[in-house]
């Protein structure tokens, strides 16, 4: 099947969780926002869905995925849909529900990262909420960031199939998503992550393994891979990073 991924064309953001799954599986997909508007793609194509012109069940926001006539929105929902089709999740139901729960935890984690630089809401520029962001970042770095990462470190250590992956012995979409979290955090909080990662050897090793997977390595070296920047979820503001 040819999948259509709808996400903003200039940031990795939440769309990257889905891109990584599609790229690792070698799936055929179109990154709609980055395709030429003259061919009917681009941001205008995204807006046709958000405005309800292209479907009577419009998603609230990107990312969303079109698979045939089906529209699936929200990262965790999209990956739950793609997981069995891309063979990125075990076959039995309990494992699939566990994977979905872990992805929802990553969804919460992502939201907390975003809120470090926009604690008062996305309707204000960062410069309009710098004081609140500084306070929020201190609490995030002190309390929440270690708690999330240590949770995944503990899960890797407890995996009865070995600590290379989160689900059994094979790579899953949750492993790919954790890789994106770690690379994003390294960009946003380099000093903090340099301090924390020695205490997270399994998480760090997982990220290295994911980066070396053939399809992911090819993707990371390609023009399809968008660089992190100060318009997405993971933003590097040096004043928010704590040594």
C-alpha atoms as a PDB file:
ATOM      1  CA  UNK A   1       0.000   0.000   0.000  1.00  0.00           C
ATOM      2  CA  UNK A   2       1.084   3.560  -0.702  1.00  0.00           C
ATOM      3  CA  UNK A   3       0.696   5.584   2.495  1.00  0.00           C
ATOM      4  CA  UNK A   4       0.269   9.347   2.607  1.00  0.00           C
ATOM      5  CA  UNK A   5       1.754  11.084   5.661  1.00  0.00           C
ATOM      6  CA  UNK A   6       0.345  14.538   6.348  1.00  0.00           C
ATOM      7  CA  UNK A   7       2.602  16.740   8.453  1.00  0.00           C
ATOM      8  CA  UNK A   8       4.198  20.181   8.343  1.00  0.00           C
ATOM      9  CA  UNK A   9       7.097  20.309   5.883  1.00  0.00           C
ATOM     10  CA  UNK A  10       9.734  22.228   7.862  1.00  0.00           C
ATOM     11  CA  UNK A  11      10.028  20.397  11.197  1.00  0.00           C
ATOM     12  CA  UNK A  12      10.602  16.789  12.308  1.00  0.00           C
ATOM     13  CA  UNK A  13       8.120  17.243  15.159  1.00  0.00           C
ATOM     14  CA  UNK A  14       5.555  14.584  15.926  1.00  0.00           C
ATOM     15  CA  UNK A  15       5.485  13.493  12.309  1.00  0.00           C
ATOM     16  CA  UNK A  16       8.966  12.045  12.748  1.00  0.00           C
ATOM     17  CA  UNK A  17       7.645   9.227  14.924  1.00  0.00           C
ATOM     18  CA  UNK A  18       5.598   8.040  11.947  1.00  0.00           C
ATOM     19  CA  UNK A  19       8.341   8.713   9.389  1.00  0.00           C
ATOM     20  CA  UNK A  20      10.775   6.520  11.301  1.00  0.00           C
ATOM     21  CA  UNK A  21       8.329   3.615  11.311  1.00  0.00           C
ATOM     22  CA  UNK A  22       7.680   3.943   7.582  1.00  0.00           C
ATOM     23  CA  UNK A  23      11.369   4.357   6.761  1.00  0.00           C
ATOM     24  CA  UNK A  24      12.523   1.426   8.873  1.00  0.00           C
ATOM     25  CA  UNK A  25       9.967  -0.834   7.209  1.00  0.00           C
ATOM     26  CA  UNK A  26      10.892   0.358   3.727  1.00  0.00           C
ATOM     27  CA  UNK A  27       7.248   1.277   3.184  1.00  0.00           C
ATOM     28  CA  UNK A  28       6.048   3.225   0.167  1.00  0.00           C
ATOM     29  CA  UNK A  29       4.845   6.593   1.364  1.00  0.00           C
ATOM     30  CA  UNK A  30       4.429  10.197   0.316  1.00  0.00           C
ATOM     31  CA  UNK A  31       5.423  12.956   2.731  1.00  0.00           C
ATOM     32  CA  UNK A  32       2.563  15.141   1.550  1.00  0.00           C
ATOM     33  CA  UNK A  33       3.624  18.449   3.093  1.00  0.00           C
ATOM     34  CA  UNK A  34       7.009  18.305   1.380  1.00  0.00           C
ATOM     35  CA  UNK A  35       5.711  17.490  -2.094  1.00  0.00           C
ATOM     36  CA  UNK A  36       5.106  20.199  -4.734  1.00  0.00           C
ATOM     37  CA  UNK A  37       1.918  22.226  -4.406  1.00  0.00           C
ATOM     38  CA  UNK A  38       1.760  22.310  -8.207  1.00  0.00           C
ATOM     39  CA  UNK A  39       1.120  18.557  -8.108  1.00  0.00           C
ATOM     40  CA  UNK A  40      -1.715  18.931  -5.596  1.00  0.00           C
ATOM     41  CA  UNK A  41       0.371  18.288  -2.477  1.00  0.00           C
ATOM     42  CA  UNK A  42       2.072  20.633   0.005  1.00  0.00           C
ATOM     43  CA  UNK A  43       0.516  22.504   2.917  1.00  0.00           C
ATOM     44  CA  UNK A  44      -2.625  23.224   0.887  1.00  0.00           C
ATOM     45  CA  UNK A  45      -3.320  19.486   0.728  1.00  0.00           C
ATOM     46  CA  UNK A  46      -2.997  19.260   4.511  1.00  0.00           C
ATOM     47  CA  UNK A  47      -5.369  22.166   5.007  1.00  0.00           C
ATOM     48  CA  UNK A  48      -8.014  20.596   2.769  1.00  0.00           C
ATOM     49  CA  UNK A  49      -8.309  17.807   5.318  1.00  0.00           C
ATOM     50  CA  UNK A  50      -8.115  20.030   8.391  1.00  0.00           C
ATOM     51  CA  UNK A  51     -10.812  22.326   6.967  1.00  0.00           C
ATOM     52  CA  UNK A  52     -13.065  19.374   6.216  1.00  0.00           C
ATOM     53  CA  UNK A  53     -13.014  19.847   2.453  1.00  0.00           C
ATOM     54  CA  UNK A  54     -11.426  16.462   1.749  1.00  0.00           C
ATOM     55  CA  UNK A  55     -13.217  14.341   4.365  1.00  0.00           C
ATOM     56  CA  UNK A  56     -16.327  14.484   6.510  1.00  0.00           C
ATOM     57  CA  UNK A  57     -14.229  13.272   9.455  1.00  0.00           C
ATOM     58  CA  UNK A  58     -11.471  15.896   9.606  1.00  0.00           C
ATOM     59  CA  UNK A  59      -8.540  15.377  11.975  1.00  0.00           C
ATOM     60  CA  UNK A  60      -7.812  18.075  14.540  1.00  0.00           C
ATOM     61  CA  UNK A  61      -4.152  18.519  13.569  1.00  0.00           C
ATOM     62  CA  UNK A  62      -1.267  16.748  11.838  1.00  0.00           C
ATOM     63  CA  UNK A  63       0.162  14.229  11.814  1.00  0.00           C
ATOM     64  CA  UNK A  64      -2.420  12.032  10.175  1.00  0.00           C
ATOM     65  CA  UNK A  65      -2.080   9.168   7.754  1.00  0.00           C
ATOM     66  CA  UNK A  66      -4.121   8.241   4.712  1.00  0.00           C
ATOM     67  CA  UNK A  67      -4.204   4.537   3.860  1.00  0.00           C
ATOM     68  CA  UNK A  68      -6.570   3.913   0.992  1.00  0.00           C
ATOM     69  CA  UNK A  69      -9.848   5.529   2.040  1.00  0.00           C
ATOM     70  CA  UNK A  70      -8.930   5.431   5.724  1.00  0.00           C
ATOM     71  CA  UNK A  71      -7.713   8.486   7.647  1.00  0.00           C
ATOM     72  CA  UNK A  72      -5.901   7.814  10.937  1.00  0.00           C
ATOM     73  CA  UNK A  73      -4.902  10.687  13.231  1.00  0.00           C
ATOM     74  CA  UNK A  74      -2.600  11.043  16.281  1.00  0.00           C
ATOM     75  CA  UNK A  75       0.831   9.472  16.522  1.00  0.00           C
ATOM     76  CA  UNK A  76       0.000   6.616  18.891  1.00  0.00           C
ATOM     77  CA  UNK A  77      -3.128   5.779  16.930  1.00  0.00           C
ATOM     78  CA  UNK A  78      -1.256   5.833  13.616  1.00  0.00           C
ATOM     79  CA  UNK A  79       1.497   3.579  14.954  1.00  0.00           C
ATOM     80  CA  UNK A  80      -1.027   1.184  16.452  1.00  0.00           C
ATOM     81  CA  UNK A  81      -2.545   0.948  12.966  1.00  0.00           C
ATOM     82  CA  UNK A  82       0.783   0.612  11.154  1.00  0.00           C
ATOM     83  CA  UNK A  83       2.509  -1.690  13.639  1.00  0.00           C
ATOM     84  CA  UNK A  84       0.973  -5.008  12.504  1.00  0.00           C
ATOM     85  CA  UNK A  85       1.073  -3.996   8.832  1.00  0.00           C
ATOM     86  CA  UNK A  86       4.772  -3.089   8.991  1.00  0.00           C
ATOM     87  CA  UNK A  87       5.597  -6.030  11.275  1.00  0.00           C
ATOM     88  CA  UNK A  88       6.815  -3.682  13.999  1.00  0.00           C
ATOM     89  CA  UNK A  89       4.825  -5.144  16.866  1.00  0.00           C
ATOM     90  CA  UNK A  90       4.366  -8.703  18.195  1.00  0.00           C
ATOM     91  CA  UNK A  91       1.362 -10.701  17.037  1.00  0.00           C
ATOM     92  CA  UNK A  92      -0.414 -11.351  20.337  1.00  0.00           C
ATOM     93  CA  UNK A  93      -2.912  -8.845  21.680  1.00  0.00           C
ATOM     94  CA  UNK A  94      -1.351  -8.320  25.099  1.00  0.00           C
ATOM     95  CA  UNK A  95       1.945  -7.229  23.535  1.00  0.00           C
ATOM     96  CA  UNK A  96       0.174  -4.871  21.133  1.00  0.00           C
ATOM     97  CA  UNK A  97      -1.734  -3.232  23.962  1.00  0.00           C
ATOM     98  CA  UNK A  98       1.511  -2.929  25.934  1.00  0.00           C
ATOM     99  CA  UNK A  99       3.182  -1.309  22.917  1.00  0.00           C
ATOM    100  CA  UNK A 100       0.295   1.144  22.544  1.00  0.00           C
ATOM    101  CA  UNK A 101       0.539   2.036  26.228  1.00  0.00           C
ATOM    102  CA  UNK A 102       4.273   2.699  25.903  1.00  0.00           C
ATOM    103  CA  UNK A 103       3.636   4.895  22.872  1.00  0.00           C
ATOM    104  CA  UNK A 104       1.057   6.860  24.853  1.00  0.00           C
ATOM    105  CA  UNK A 105       3.688   7.333  27.559  1.00  0.00           C
ATOM    106  CA  UNK A 106       5.992   8.752  24.879  1.00  0.00           C
ATOM    107  CA  UNK A 107       3.117  11.012  23.821  1.00  0.00           C
ATOM    108  CA  UNK A 108       2.947  12.378  27.379  1.00  0.00           C
ATOM    109  CA  UNK A 109       6.738  12.715  27.433  1.00  0.00           C
ATOM    110  CA  UNK A 110       6.680  14.674  24.174  1.00  0.00           C
ATOM    111  CA  UNK A 111       4.029  17.041  25.503  1.00  0.00           C
ATOM    112  CA  UNK A 112       6.117  17.768  28.592  1.00  0.00           C
ATOM    113  CA  UNK A 113       9.165  18.521  26.429  1.00  0.00           C
ATOM    114  CA  UNK A 114       7.094  20.977  24.400  1.00  0.00           C
ATOM    115  CA  UNK A 115       5.763  22.647  27.523  1.00  0.00           C
ATOM    116  CA  UNK A 116       9.242  23.475  28.781  1.00  0.00           C
ATOM    117  CA  UNK A 117       9.520  26.204  26.142  1.00  0.00           C
ATOM    118  CA  UNK A 118       5.787  27.000  25.858  1.00  0.00           C
ATOM    119  CA  UNK A 119       4.433  26.566  29.387  1.00  0.00           C
ATOM    120  CA  UNK A 120       1.759  29.232  28.922  1.00  0.00           C
ATOM    121  CA  UNK A 121       0.557  27.824  25.621  1.00  0.00           C
ATOM    122  CA  UNK A 122       1.350  27.775  21.895  1.00  0.00           C
ATOM    123  CA  UNK A 123      -0.522  31.028  21.289  1.00  0.00           C
ATOM    124  CA  UNK A 124       2.417  33.029  22.654  1.00  0.00           C
ATOM    125  CA  UNK A 125       5.936  33.250  21.286  1.00  0.00           C
ATOM    126  CA  UNK A 126       8.734  31.805  23.401  1.00  0.00           C
ATOM    127  CA  UNK A 127      10.034  35.321  24.037  1.00  0.00           C
ATOM    128  CA  UNK A 128       6.694  36.197  25.642  1.00  0.00           C
ATOM    129  CA  UNK A 129       6.943  33.395  28.217  1.00  0.00           C
ATOM    130  CA  UNK A 130      10.682  33.083  28.866  1.00  0.00           C
ATOM    131  CA  UNK A 131      10.394  33.558  32.621  1.00  0.00           C
ATOM    132  CA  UNK A 132       7.770  30.838  32.953  1.00  0.00           C
ATOM    133  CA  UNK A 133       9.749  28.597  30.596  1.00  0.00           C
ATOM    134  CA  UNK A 134      12.864  28.950  32.737  1.00  0.00           C
ATOM    135  CA  UNK A 135      10.953  27.807  35.814  1.00  0.00           C
ATOM    136  CA  UNK A 136       9.284  24.963  33.940  1.00  0.00           C
ATOM    137  CA  UNK A 137      12.584  23.762  32.457  1.00  0.00           C
ATOM    138  CA  UNK A 138      14.229  23.556  35.883  1.00  0.00           C
ATOM    139  CA  UNK A 139      11.437  21.326  37.171  1.00  0.00           C
ATOM    140  CA  UNK A 140      11.381  19.236  34.005  1.00  0.00           C
ATOM    141  CA  UNK A 141      15.134  18.624  34.077  1.00  0.00           C
ATOM    142  CA  UNK A 142      15.194  17.939  37.799  1.00  0.00           C
ATOM    143  CA  UNK A 143      12.136  15.715  38.118  1.00  0.00           C
ATOM    144  CA  UNK A 144      10.317  14.681  34.965  1.00  0.00           C
ATOM    145  CA  UNK A 145      13.101  14.036  32.441  1.00  0.00           C
ATOM    146  CA  UNK A 146      14.986  11.557  34.678  1.00  0.00           C
ATOM    147  CA  UNK A 147      11.734   9.860  35.642  1.00  0.00           C
ATOM    148  CA  UNK A 148      10.715   9.167  32.044  1.00  0.00           C
ATOM    149  CA  UNK A 149      14.164   8.030  30.918  1.00  0.00           C
ATOM    150  CA  UNK A 150      14.754   5.859  33.970  1.00  0.00           C
ATOM    151  CA  UNK A 151      11.413   4.190  33.332  1.00  0.00           C
ATOM    152  CA  UNK A 152      12.507   3.089  29.867  1.00  0.00           C
ATOM    153  CA  UNK A 153      15.933   2.102  31.196  1.00  0.00           C
ATOM    154  CA  UNK A 154      14.194  -0.136  33.725  1.00  0.00           C
ATOM    155  CA  UNK A 155      11.981  -1.708  31.058  1.00  0.00           C
ATOM    156  CA  UNK A 156      14.993  -2.528  28.893  1.00  0.00           C
ATOM    157  CA  UNK A 157      16.760  -4.122  31.848  1.00  0.00           C
ATOM    158  CA  UNK A 158      13.694  -6.235  32.650  1.00  0.00           C
ATOM    159  CA  UNK A 159      13.057  -7.518  29.113  1.00  0.00           C
ATOM    160  CA  UNK A 160      13.299 -11.323  29.424  1.00  0.00           C
ATOM    161  CA  UNK A 161      14.369 -11.566  25.762  1.00  0.00           C
ATOM    162  CA  UNK A 162      17.409  -9.375  26.433  1.00  0.00           C
ATOM    163  CA  UNK A 163      17.803  -5.646  26.903  1.00  0.00           C
ATOM    164  CA  UNK A 164      18.312  -4.681  23.261  1.00  0.00           C
ATOM    165  CA  UNK A 165      14.649  -3.715  22.700  1.00  0.00           C
ATOM    166  CA  UNK A 166      11.540  -2.785  24.640  1.00  0.00           C
ATOM    167  CA  UNK A 167       9.250  -5.524  23.277  1.00  0.00           C
ATOM    168  CA  UNK A 168      10.656  -9.005  23.086  1.00  0.00           C
ATOM    169  CA  UNK A 169      13.725  -9.561  20.933  1.00  0.00           C
ATOM    170  CA  UNK A 170      12.773  -7.582  17.808  1.00  0.00           C
ATOM    171  CA  UNK A 171      12.717  -3.887  17.031  1.00  0.00           C
ATOM    172  CA  UNK A 172       9.280  -2.310  17.396  1.00  0.00           C
ATOM    173  CA  UNK A 173       7.812   1.067  16.566  1.00  0.00           C
ATOM    174  CA  UNK A 174       8.205   1.966  20.250  1.00  0.00           C
ATOM    175  CA  UNK A 175      11.975   1.478  19.981  1.00  0.00           C
ATOM    176  CA  UNK A 176      12.005   3.805  16.983  1.00  0.00           C
ATOM    177  CA  UNK A 177       9.994   6.393  18.901  1.00  0.00           C
ATOM    178  CA  UNK A 178      12.316   6.228  21.898  1.00  0.00           C
ATOM    179  CA  UNK A 179      15.212   6.818  19.491  1.00  0.00           C
ATOM    180  CA  UNK A 180      13.508   9.986  18.249  1.00  0.00           C
ATOM    181  CA  UNK A 181      12.941  11.146  21.827  1.00  0.00           C
ATOM    182  CA  UNK A 182      16.585  10.651  22.714  1.00  0.00           C
ATOM    183  CA  UNK A 183      17.949  12.384  19.621  1.00  0.00           C
ATOM    184  CA  UNK A 184      15.545  15.277  20.164  1.00  0.00           C
ATOM    185  CA  UNK A 185      16.548  15.623  23.803  1.00  0.00           C
ATOM    186  CA  UNK A 186      20.218  15.588  22.861  1.00  0.00           C
ATOM    187  CA  UNK A 187      19.531  18.532  20.586  1.00  0.00           C
ATOM    188  CA  UNK A 188      17.377  20.465  23.039  1.00  0.00           C
ATOM    189  CA  UNK A 189      19.320  19.757  26.240  1.00  0.00           C
ATOM    190  CA  UNK A 190      22.872  18.731  25.331  1.00  0.00           C
ATOM    191  CA  UNK A 191      24.423  19.557  28.716  1.00  0.00           C
ATOM    192  CA  UNK A 192      21.675  17.830  30.635  1.00  0.00           C
ATOM    193  CA  UNK A 193      21.779  14.719  28.476  1.00  0.00           C
ATOM    194  CA  UNK A 194      25.562  14.542  28.734  1.00  0.00           C
ATOM    195  CA  UNK A 195      25.096  14.384  32.489  1.00  0.00           C
ATOM    196  CA  UNK A 196      22.198  11.904  32.473  1.00  0.00           C
ATOM    197  CA  UNK A 197      23.161   9.406  29.784  1.00  0.00           C
ATOM    198  CA  UNK A 198      25.929   7.631  31.734  1.00  0.00           C
ATOM    199  CA  UNK A 199      23.129   6.520  34.076  1.00  0.00           C
ATOM    200  CA  UNK A 200      21.077   5.259  31.116  1.00  0.00           C
ATOM    201  CA  UNK A 201      23.386   2.822  29.299  1.00  0.00           C
ATOM    202  CA  UNK A 202      20.600   0.650  27.870  1.00  0.00           C
ATOM    203  CA  UNK A 203      18.611   3.587  26.500  1.00  0.00           C
ATOM    204  CA  UNK A 204      21.760   5.044  24.939  1.00  0.00           C
ATOM    205  CA  UNK A 205      22.709   1.670  23.433  1.00  0.00           C
ATOM    206  CA  UNK A 206      19.215   1.249  22.018  1.00  0.00           C
ATOM    207  CA  UNK A 207      19.528   4.608  20.253  1.00  0.00           C
ATOM    208  CA  UNK A 208      22.870   3.557  18.764  1.00  0.00           C
ATOM    209  CA  UNK A 209      21.391   0.288  17.489  1.00  0.00           C
ATOM    210  CA  UNK A 210      18.437   2.058  15.901  1.00  0.00           C
ATOM    211  CA  UNK A 211      20.739   4.544  14.147  1.00  0.00           C
ATOM    212  CA  UNK A 212      22.694   1.623  12.680  1.00  0.00           C
ATOM    213  CA  UNK A 213      19.693  -0.207  11.236  1.00  0.00           C
ATOM    214  CA  UNK A 214      20.222  -0.170   7.461  1.00  0.00           C
ATOM    215  CA  UNK A 215      17.034   1.633   6.456  1.00  0.00           C
ATOM    216  CA  UNK A 216      17.301   4.119   9.323  1.00  0.00           C
ATOM    217  CA  UNK A 217      20.983   4.819   8.606  1.00  0.00           C
ATOM    218  CA  UNK A 218      20.117   5.505   4.971  1.00  0.00           C
ATOM    219  CA  UNK A 219      17.257   7.775   6.024  1.00  0.00           C
ATOM    220  CA  UNK A 220      19.394   9.735   8.486  1.00  0.00           C
ATOM    221  CA  UNK A 221      21.955  10.370   5.753  1.00  0.00           C
ATOM    222  CA  UNK A 222      19.327  11.469   3.231  1.00  0.00           C
ATOM    223  CA  UNK A 223      17.658  14.781   2.469  1.00  0.00           C
ATOM    224  CA  UNK A 224      14.391  13.325   3.733  1.00  0.00           C
ATOM    225  CA  UNK A 225      15.670  13.684   7.302  1.00  0.00           C
ATOM    226  CA  UNK A 226      14.755  17.152   8.568  1.00  0.00           C
ATOM    227  CA  UNK A 227      17.078  18.875  11.028  1.00  0.00           C
ATOM    228  CA  UNK A 228      15.847  19.862  14.459  1.00  0.00           C
ATOM    229  CA  UNK A 229      15.140  23.570  14.733  1.00  0.00           C
ATOM    230  CA  UNK A 230      13.480  26.161  16.949  1.00  0.00           C
ATOM    231  CA  UNK A 231      10.050  25.727  15.402  1.00  0.00           C
ATOM    232  CA  UNK A 232       9.370  22.158  16.449  1.00  0.00           C
ATOM    233  CA  UNK A 233       8.841  20.194  19.648  1.00  0.00           C
ATOM    234  CA  UNK A 234      12.543  19.871  20.447  1.00  0.00           C
ATOM    235  CA  UNK A 235      14.095  23.342  20.641  1.00  0.00           C
ATOM    236  CA  UNK A 236      17.525  24.310  21.876  1.00  0.00           C
ATOM    237  CA  UNK A 237      17.438  27.404  24.034  1.00  0.00           C
ATOM    238  CA  UNK A 238      20.771  27.434  25.912  1.00  0.00           C
ATOM    239  CA  UNK A 239      19.252  29.313  28.833  1.00  0.00           C
ATOM    240  CA  UNK A 240      16.901  26.385  29.484  1.00  0.00           C
ATOM    241  CA  UNK A 241      19.642  23.754  29.480  1.00  0.00           C
ATOM    242  CA  UNK A 242      21.220  23.062  32.851  1.00  0.00           C
ATOM    243  CA  UNK A 243      24.828  21.909  33.164  1.00  0.00           C
END
